[in-house]
Structures are given as structure tokens and as C-alpha cells.
C-alpha atoms as a PDB file:
ATOM      1  CA  UNK A   1     132.004 173.397  95.664  1.00  0.00           C
ATOM      2  CA  UNK A   2     133.240 174.975  92.417  1.00  0.00           C
ATOM      3  CA  UNK A   3     132.422 173.786  88.897  1.00  0.00           C
ATOM      4  CA  UNK A   4     133.726 174.476  85.407  1.00  0.00           C
ATOM      5  CA  UNK A   5     131.452 176.833  83.425  1.00  0.00           C
ATOM      6  CA  UNK A   6     132.249 175.021  80.150  1.00  0.00           C
ATOM      7  CA  UNK A   7     131.710 171.354  81.067  1.00  0.00           C
ATOM      8  CA  UNK A   8     130.337 171.327  84.635  1.00  0.00           C
ATOM      9  CA  UNK A   9     133.289 169.330  86.014  1.00  0.00           C
ATOM     10  CA  UNK A  10     134.447 169.487  89.631  1.00  0.00           C
ATOM     11  CA  UNK A  11     137.989 168.740  88.456  1.00  0.00           C
ATOM     12  CA  UNK A  12     139.188 172.359  88.578  1.00  0.00           C
ATOM     13  CA  UNK A  13     142.072 174.129  90.246  1.00  0.00           C
ATOM     14  CA  UNK A  14     144.187 177.248  90.009  1.00  0.00           C
ATOM     15  CA  UNK A  15     146.817 176.829  87.260  1.00  0.00           C
ATOM     16  CA  UNK A  16     149.136 179.248  89.053  1.00  0.00           C
ATOM     17  CA  UNK A  17     148.905 179.163  92.860  1.00  0.00           C
ATOM     18  CA  UNK A  18     149.688 182.872  93.166  1.00  0.00           C
ATOM     19  CA  UNK A  19     146.979 183.875  90.617  1.00  0.00           C
ATOM     20  CA  UNK A  20     143.703 183.084  92.369  1.00  0.00           C
ATOM     21  CA  UNK A  21     141.675 184.868  89.687  1.00  0.00           C
ATOM     22  CA  UNK A  22     142.029 182.167  87.023  1.00  0.00           C
ATOM     23  CA  UNK A  23     140.753 178.618  87.149  1.00  0.00           C
ATOM     24  CA  UNK A  24     141.763 175.624  85.047  1.00  0.00           C
ATOM     25  CA  UNK A  25     139.542 172.634  84.263  1.00  0.00           C
ATOM     26  CA  UNK A  26     141.496 169.399  84.058  1.00  0.00           C
ATOM     27  CA  UNK A  27     138.724 167.775  81.988  1.00  0.00           C
ATOM     28  CA  UNK A  28     138.003 170.238  79.162  1.00  0.00           C
ATOM     29  CA  UNK A  29     140.938 172.655  79.342  1.00  0.00           C
ATOM     30  CA  UNK A  30     138.931 175.758  80.276  1.00  0.00           C
ATOM     31  CA  UNK A  31     141.049 178.558  81.761  1.00  0.00           C
ATOM     32  CA  UNK A  32     139.342 181.699  82.992  1.00  0.00           C
ATOM     33  CA  UNK A  33     138.094 183.789  85.867  1.00  0.00           C
ATOM     34  CA  UNK A  34     134.425 182.793  85.679  1.00  0.00           C
ATOM     35  CA  UNK A  35     133.426 179.792  87.799  1.00  0.00           C
ATOM     36  CA  UNK A  36     130.103 178.142  88.693  1.00  0.00           C
ATOM     37  CA  UNK A  37     129.220 177.406  92.308  1.00  0.00           C
ATOM     38  CA  UNK A  38     125.677 176.096  91.778  1.00  0.00           C
ATOM     39  CA  UNK A  39     125.558 172.284  91.591  1.00  0.00           C
ATOM     40  CA  UNK A  40     122.209 172.198  89.768  1.00  0.00           C
ATOM     41  CA  UNK A  41     123.475 174.595  87.112  1.00  0.00           C
ATOM     42  CA  UNK A  42     126.671 172.546  86.800  1.00  0.00           C
ATOM     43  CA  UNK A  43     124.568 169.425  86.132  1.00  0.00           C
ATOM     44  CA  UNK A  44     122.740 171.208  83.308  1.00  0.00           C
ATOM     45  CA  UNK A  45     126.034 172.497  81.876  1.00  0.00           C
ATOM     46  CA  UNK A  46     127.539 169.004  82.036  1.00  0.00           C
ATOM     47  CA  UNK A  47     124.591 167.411  80.205  1.00  0.00           C
ATOM     48  CA  UNK A  48     124.715 170.065  77.475  1.00  0.00           C
ATOM     49  CA  UNK A  49     128.493 169.692  77.180  1.00  0.00           C
ATOM     50  CA  UNK A  50     128.200 165.920  76.713  1.00  0.00           C
ATOM     51  CA  UNK A  51     125.414 166.396  74.183  1.00  0.00           C
ATOM     52  CA  UNK A  52     127.506 168.884  72.178  1.00  0.00           C
ATOM     53  CA  UNK A  53     130.527 166.541  72.265  1.00  0.00           C
ATOM     54  CA  UNK A  54     128.372 163.671  70.935  1.00  0.00           C
ATOM     55  CA  UNK A  55     127.000 165.884  68.152  1.00  0.00           C
ATOM     56  CA  UNK A  56     130.451 167.120  67.128  1.00  0.00           C
ATOM     57  CA  UNK A  57     131.739 163.579  66.651  1.00  0.00           C
ATOM     58  CA  UNK A  58     129.032 162.811  64.040  1.00  0.00           C
END
């Protein structure tokens, strides 16, 4: 399973089917080559992402 490195989401895909070196996260808008494949790390990233979103809305 692949996860977004910015928000930890599993909702990722290739934005251009012929360019398999870039990923796009449908949840946070991340586009890039780096991707996370460790579920435990993705959980930590997701918690930190949610925490930062809550803090930015204050």
C-alpha cells in the first residue's frame, strides 16, 4: 500500500498515467515523486497533519 508523505492518506494515484514517477494525493493536493509505503509511518504523518491543520485554523 502507498501513502501520501504530506498527510498520510491512501487516496493517491498517478496524475498522468504515462508518468509513473509522480504521485497525486486527492486529499491534500500533494504532487511529487516521494511516496511512503510504511503504514505505521503514514499513521504518524496523518496525526501530525491533522494536528497542524487544527493549529492553523486558530
